[in-house]
Amino acid sequence: MPELYFWIVAVLAVFVVALSKSGLVGSLGLVAVPLLSLVMPARDAAGMMLPLLLVMDAIAIWTYRKDADWRILRIMLPGAMIGTLIGWALWTVVSDAMVLLFVGIITMVFILDALLPLRKRLEGLPPSRGWGAFWGGFAGFTSFISHTGGPPFQIYVLPQRLSPVVYSGTTAFFFSVVNTAKLVPYFFLGQLNVSNLTHAAILAPLAVVGVLVGVWLVRRISVKRFYQLTYWLVFLLAIKLIYDGVLGVFFAGPAA
C-alpha cells in the first residue's frame, strides 16, 4: 500500500508539473515538491523532479522555439544564474519550509498588488532591467532550493501581458536554462542518486504526455481567460505555500 500511495502521488505531481511546463498553468508546477514530500523527503523530491523537468523543458523549447521574448530573457537570466549559485551555497542552511513560506508571502503580496489601480497602469510597460534582474535572481534561488521559481518569475513577467504563446515560450526558455544550471550542483549534493533517477525514468513518458496536452490547450485559450486562470491559480497556490511554510517552520509539518 505505501508503494501504491507513492506512485499515485508521483503520477499526479508529474502530470500537474507537465501541464505547467506547457505554460497553461505556470505556477501550478511549484506544488510538485510539497506534494511529493507527502511520500518522500523534500530534498529527494527535488532531486527526482530535476531530470523530469529537463525532459519537459526540451519539449516545451522545441514547441515554442519561435515564441520567446528574448528581451525579458536577457534581463532575467543573469540574475537567475546568481540566484542559483546562492541557492547552492545556502543549501544546508535554508530549509524547504523557509523557502515555501517566503515565496508564499511574496506571491500573495503580488496578487494583492495586482488588484490595485497602480498595477493596471503599469501593465504593458517595457520591463525594467533592475527589477527583472532582481526577480530573475529570486526565481533562480527558489527554483534551486525547491523548484518554486514560478511565482518570482511571474511577478515580473505577468504584468507585461504577453500573448499566451509568447508567455509560454519565454517561461520554457527561462526555466530550461535555470534547470540545466542546477545539474552540476545537484550532482555534487547527492540529489541525483540511483533511486531518484530510476523513478524519474519510469515517470518520463507521463511528463511528455502532460506537456503535449498542455501545449494543445495553450494554443486554443483566449488571452483574457488565460490570465484570469493564471492569477487565480497563483492566488490559491500562495495560500498553499504559506500554509505549508508555516507548518514546516513553526510546527515541524510536512513542508519541513
Protein backbone atom coordinates (compact mmCIF):
# COMPACT_ATOMS: atom_id res chain seq x y z
CA MET A 1 0.00 0.00 0.00
CA PRO A 2 2.76 2.58 0.78
CA GLU A 3 4.31 1.82 -2.62
CA LEU A 4 0.96 2.29 -4.38
CA TYR A 5 0.41 5.56 -2.50
CA PHE A 6 3.84 6.77 -3.61
CA TRP A 7 3.11 6.14 -7.28
CA ILE A 8 -0.34 7.74 -7.12
CA VAL A 9 1.12 10.91 -5.64
CA ALA A 10 4.11 10.84 -8.01
CA VAL A 11 1.93 10.45 -11.11
CA LEU A 12 -0.33 13.31 -10.00
CA ALA A 13 2.63 15.59 -9.23
CA VAL A 14 4.43 14.90 -12.52
CA PHE A 15 1.32 15.36 -14.66
CA VAL A 16 0.48 18.68 -12.98
CA VAL A 17 4.04 19.93 -13.45
CA ALA A 18 3.99 18.81 -17.09
CA LEU A 19 0.84 20.84 -17.69
CA SER A 20 2.52 23.84 -16.09
CA LYS A 21 5.55 23.42 -18.36
CA SER A 22 3.34 24.00 -21.35
CA GLY A 23 2.62 27.46 -19.95
CA LEU A 24 -1.05 26.71 -19.35
CA VAL A 25 -0.93 26.93 -15.56
CA GLY A 26 2.57 28.21 -14.97
CA SER A 27 2.68 28.42 -11.18
CA LEU A 28 0.98 25.10 -10.62
CA GLY A 29 4.32 23.38 -11.12
CA LEU A 30 5.51 24.51 -7.72
CA VAL A 31 3.15 22.07 -5.98
CA ALA A 32 5.42 19.17 -7.02
CA VAL A 33 7.86 19.24 -4.10
CA PRO A 34 5.20 19.93 -1.42
CA LEU A 35 3.03 17.17 -2.87
CA LEU A 36 5.85 14.66 -3.20
CA SER A 37 7.01 15.49 0.33
CA LEU A 38 3.96 13.53 1.49
CA VAL A 39 5.66 10.33 0.32
CA MET A 40 9.40 11.14 0.35
CA PRO A 41 11.86 13.67 1.84
CA ALA A 42 11.51 17.09 0.21
CA ARG A 43 15.16 17.23 -0.88
CA ASP A 44 14.84 13.80 -2.54
CA ALA A 45 11.68 15.02 -4.25
CA ALA A 46 13.61 17.96 -5.70
CA GLY A 47 16.31 15.60 -6.95
CA MET A 48 13.83 13.23 -8.58
CA MET A 49 11.99 16.07 -10.30
CA LEU A 50 15.04 17.70 -11.90
CA PRO A 51 15.57 15.11 -14.70
CA LEU A 52 11.83 15.16 -15.39
CA LEU A 53 11.85 18.95 -15.57
CA LEU A 54 14.66 18.79 -18.13
CA VAL A 55 12.62 16.37 -20.27
CA MET A 56 9.64 18.71 -20.09
CA ASP A 57 11.86 21.71 -20.84
CA ALA A 58 13.19 20.07 -24.01
CA ILE A 59 9.67 19.50 -25.35
CA ALA A 60 8.49 22.98 -24.38
CA ILE A 61 11.52 24.65 -26.01
CA TRP A 62 11.03 22.75 -29.25
CA THR A 63 7.34 23.64 -29.26
CA TYR A 64 7.84 27.35 -28.51
CA ARG A 65 11.24 27.80 -30.20
CA LYS A 66 9.99 30.83 -32.17
CA ASP A 67 7.82 32.38 -29.49
CA ALA A 68 10.06 33.59 -26.64
CA ASP A 69 10.51 37.23 -25.61
CA TRP A 70 14.31 37.48 -25.76
CA ARG A 71 14.46 40.93 -24.18
CA ILE A 72 12.92 39.60 -20.98
CA LEU A 73 15.25 36.59 -21.02
CA ARG A 74 18.35 38.78 -21.43
CA ILE A 75 17.23 40.81 -18.43
CA MET A 76 16.31 37.92 -16.11
CA LEU A 77 18.75 35.11 -16.83
CA PRO A 78 21.96 36.71 -15.47
CA GLY A 79 20.22 37.29 -12.16
CA ALA A 80 18.87 33.74 -12.23
CA MET A 81 22.40 32.33 -12.52
CA ILE A 82 23.48 34.34 -9.47
CA GLY A 83 20.41 33.16 -7.59
CA THR A 84 21.25 29.56 -8.47
CA LEU A 85 24.75 29.94 -7.02
CA ILE A 86 23.32 31.48 -3.85
CA GLY A 87 20.89 28.58 -3.55
CA TRP A 88 23.78 26.12 -3.83
CA ALA A 89 25.77 27.98 -1.17
CA LEU A 90 22.82 28.10 1.23
CA TRP A 91 21.51 24.58 0.52
CA THR A 92 22.33 23.28 4.01
CA VAL A 93 21.27 26.47 5.79
CA VAL A 94 17.87 27.32 4.29
CA SER A 95 15.10 24.77 4.81
CA ASP A 96 12.41 23.93 2.27
CA ALA A 97 9.77 25.27 4.66
CA MET A 98 11.50 28.65 4.92
CA VAL A 99 11.56 28.96 1.15
CA LEU A 100 7.91 27.92 0.81
CA LEU A 101 6.80 30.46 3.42
CA PHE A 102 8.85 33.28 1.92
CA VAL A 103 7.71 32.56 -1.63
CA GLY A 104 4.11 32.27 -0.46
CA ILE A 105 4.17 35.66 1.26
CA ILE A 106 5.83 37.40 -1.69
CA THR A 107 3.35 35.78 -4.09
CA MET A 108 0.37 36.87 -2.02
CA VAL A 109 1.69 40.44 -2.00
CA PHE A 110 1.99 40.21 -5.78
CA ILE A 111 -1.62 39.09 -6.14
CA LEU A 112 -2.91 41.81 -3.83
CA ASP A 113 -0.86 44.35 -5.75
CA ALA A 114 -2.41 43.10 -8.99
CA LEU A 115 -5.82 44.17 -7.68
CA LEU A 116 -4.76 47.80 -7.20
CA PRO A 117 -5.24 50.52 -9.85
CA LEU A 118 -1.47 51.13 -9.95
CA ARG A 119 -0.90 47.64 -11.36
CA LYS A 120 -3.26 48.34 -14.25
CA ARG A 121 -1.28 51.46 -15.18
CA LEU A 122 1.99 49.52 -15.12
CA GLU A 123 0.84 46.61 -17.28
CA GLY A 124 2.35 46.54 -20.75
CA LEU A 125 5.22 48.92 -19.96
CA PRO A 126 8.77 47.96 -21.11
CA PRO A 127 10.42 45.70 -18.50
CA SER A 128 12.84 47.36 -16.08
CA ARG A 129 16.31 45.80 -16.11
CA GLY A 130 16.95 46.20 -12.39
CA TRP A 131 13.55 44.83 -11.41
CA GLY A 132 13.94 41.95 -13.84
CA ALA A 133 17.43 41.06 -12.58
CA PHE A 134 16.14 41.01 -9.00
CA TRP A 135 13.18 38.75 -9.73
CA GLY A 136 15.31 36.59 -12.00
CA GLY A 137 17.73 36.07 -9.12
CA PHE A 138 14.88 35.33 -6.73
CA ALA A 139 13.45 32.80 -9.20
CA GLY A 140 16.85 31.12 -9.60
CA PHE A 141 17.30 30.83 -5.84
CA THR A 142 13.85 29.44 -5.05
CA SER A 143 14.00 27.14 -8.07
CA PHE A 144 17.26 25.67 -6.81
CA ILE A 145 16.00 25.03 -3.28
CA SER A 146 12.58 23.55 -4.07
CA HIS A 147 11.62 24.12 -7.75
CA THR A 148 9.42 27.05 -6.73
CA GLY A 149 10.78 29.62 -9.17
CA GLY A 150 7.44 30.19 -10.90
CA PRO A 151 5.93 32.96 -8.71
CA PRO A 152 9.03 35.24 -8.72
CA PHE A 153 9.25 34.80 -12.49
CA GLN A 154 5.57 35.65 -12.89
CA ILE A 155 5.78 38.71 -10.65
CA TYR A 156 7.98 40.27 -13.31
CA VAL A 157 6.55 38.75 -16.49
CA LEU A 158 2.78 38.63 -15.99
CA PRO A 159 2.33 42.44 -15.96
CA GLN A 160 3.91 42.55 -19.44
CA ARG A 161 0.68 40.99 -20.75
CA LEU A 162 2.37 38.79 -23.32
CA SER A 163 0.23 36.57 -25.52
CA PRO A 164 -0.26 33.08 -24.02
CA VAL A 165 2.07 31.53 -26.60
CA VAL A 166 4.87 34.09 -26.11
CA TYR A 167 4.47 33.89 -22.34
CA SER A 168 4.75 30.09 -22.53
CA GLY A 169 7.82 30.29 -24.78
CA THR A 170 9.57 32.78 -22.50
CA THR A 171 8.81 30.60 -19.49
CA ALA A 172 10.11 27.49 -21.27
CA PHE A 173 13.44 29.04 -22.24
CA PHE A 174 13.97 30.69 -18.85
CA PHE A 175 13.47 27.55 -16.79
CA SER A 176 15.31 25.29 -19.22
CA VAL A 177 18.44 27.38 -18.62
CA VAL A 178 17.85 27.52 -14.86
CA ASN A 179 17.21 23.78 -14.56
CA THR A 180 20.25 22.91 -16.68
CA ALA A 181 22.39 25.09 -14.42
CA LYS A 182 21.21 23.04 -11.43
CA LEU A 183 22.55 19.74 -12.78
CA VAL A 184 26.14 20.05 -11.57
CA PRO A 185 25.28 21.36 -8.09
CA TYR A 186 22.61 18.68 -7.63
CA PHE A 187 25.13 16.01 -8.63
CA PHE A 188 27.66 17.16 -6.04
CA LEU A 189 24.95 17.46 -3.40
CA GLY A 190 23.99 13.82 -4.00
CA GLN A 191 20.48 14.60 -5.25
CA LEU A 192 20.88 12.63 -8.50
CA ASN A 193 21.14 9.18 -6.92
CA VAL A 194 20.15 5.85 -8.44
CA SER A 195 16.75 5.74 -6.73
CA ASN A 196 15.76 9.22 -7.89
CA LEU A 197 16.95 8.63 -11.45
CA THR A 198 15.11 5.29 -11.63
CA HIS A 199 11.84 6.85 -10.53
CA ALA A 200 12.36 9.71 -12.97
CA ALA A 201 12.93 7.32 -15.87
CA ILE A 202 9.68 5.48 -15.12
CA LEU A 203 7.71 8.72 -14.96
CA ALA A 204 9.31 10.34 -18.05
CA PRO A 205 6.63 9.17 -20.57
CA LEU A 206 3.93 10.76 -18.41
CA ALA A 207 5.92 14.00 -18.39
CA VAL A 208 5.96 14.04 -22.20
CA VAL A 209 2.21 13.42 -22.47
CA GLY A 210 1.41 16.11 -19.93
CA VAL A 211 3.41 18.79 -21.75
CA LEU A 212 1.83 17.92 -25.10
CA VAL A 213 -1.68 18.10 -23.63
CA GLY A 214 -0.90 21.48 -22.10
CA VAL A 215 0.54 22.85 -25.35
CA TRP A 216 -2.60 21.80 -27.21
CA LEU A 217 -4.71 23.74 -24.69
CA VAL A 218 -2.48 26.86 -24.65
CA ARG A 219 -2.90 27.38 -28.39
CA ARG A 220 -6.69 27.35 -28.00
CA ILE A 221 -7.33 29.50 -24.94
CA SER A 222 -8.17 33.24 -25.10
CA VAL A 223 -5.77 35.81 -23.65
CA LYS A 224 -8.36 37.09 -21.17
CA ARG A 225 -9.26 33.62 -19.93
CA PHE A 226 -5.57 32.64 -19.80
CA TYR A 227 -4.67 35.48 -17.44
CA GLN A 228 -7.80 35.06 -15.34
CA LEU A 229 -6.93 31.40 -14.83
CA THR A 230 -3.29 32.15 -14.09
CA TYR A 231 -3.94 34.85 -11.50
CA TRP A 232 -6.50 32.70 -9.66
CA LEU A 233 -4.17 29.72 -9.61
CA VAL A 234 -1.30 31.86 -8.32
CA PHE A 235 -3.59 33.16 -5.55
CA LEU A 236 -4.60 29.64 -4.48
CA LEU A 237 -1.01 28.45 -4.61
CA ALA A 238 0.12 31.38 -2.47
CA ILE A 239 -2.29 30.21 0.22
CA LYS A 240 -0.95 26.65 -0.11
CA LEU A 241 2.66 27.80 0.14
CA ILE A 242 2.02 29.95 3.20
CA TYR A 243 0.16 27.11 4.89
CA ASP A 244 2.92 24.55 4.20
CA GLY A 245 5.62 27.04 5.14
CA VAL A 246 4.01 27.92 8.47
CA LEU A 247 3.57 24.24 9.32
CA GLY A 248 7.17 23.47 8.46
CA VAL A 249 8.78 26.49 10.13
CA PHE A 250 6.72 26.67 13.31
CA PHE A 251 5.20 23.21 13.76
CA ALA A 252 7.66 20.86 12.01
CA GLY A 253 4.94 19.90 9.48
CA PRO A 254 5.29 18.10 6.13
CA ALA A 255 6.86 21.08 4.33
CA ALA A 256 9.97 20.95 6.52
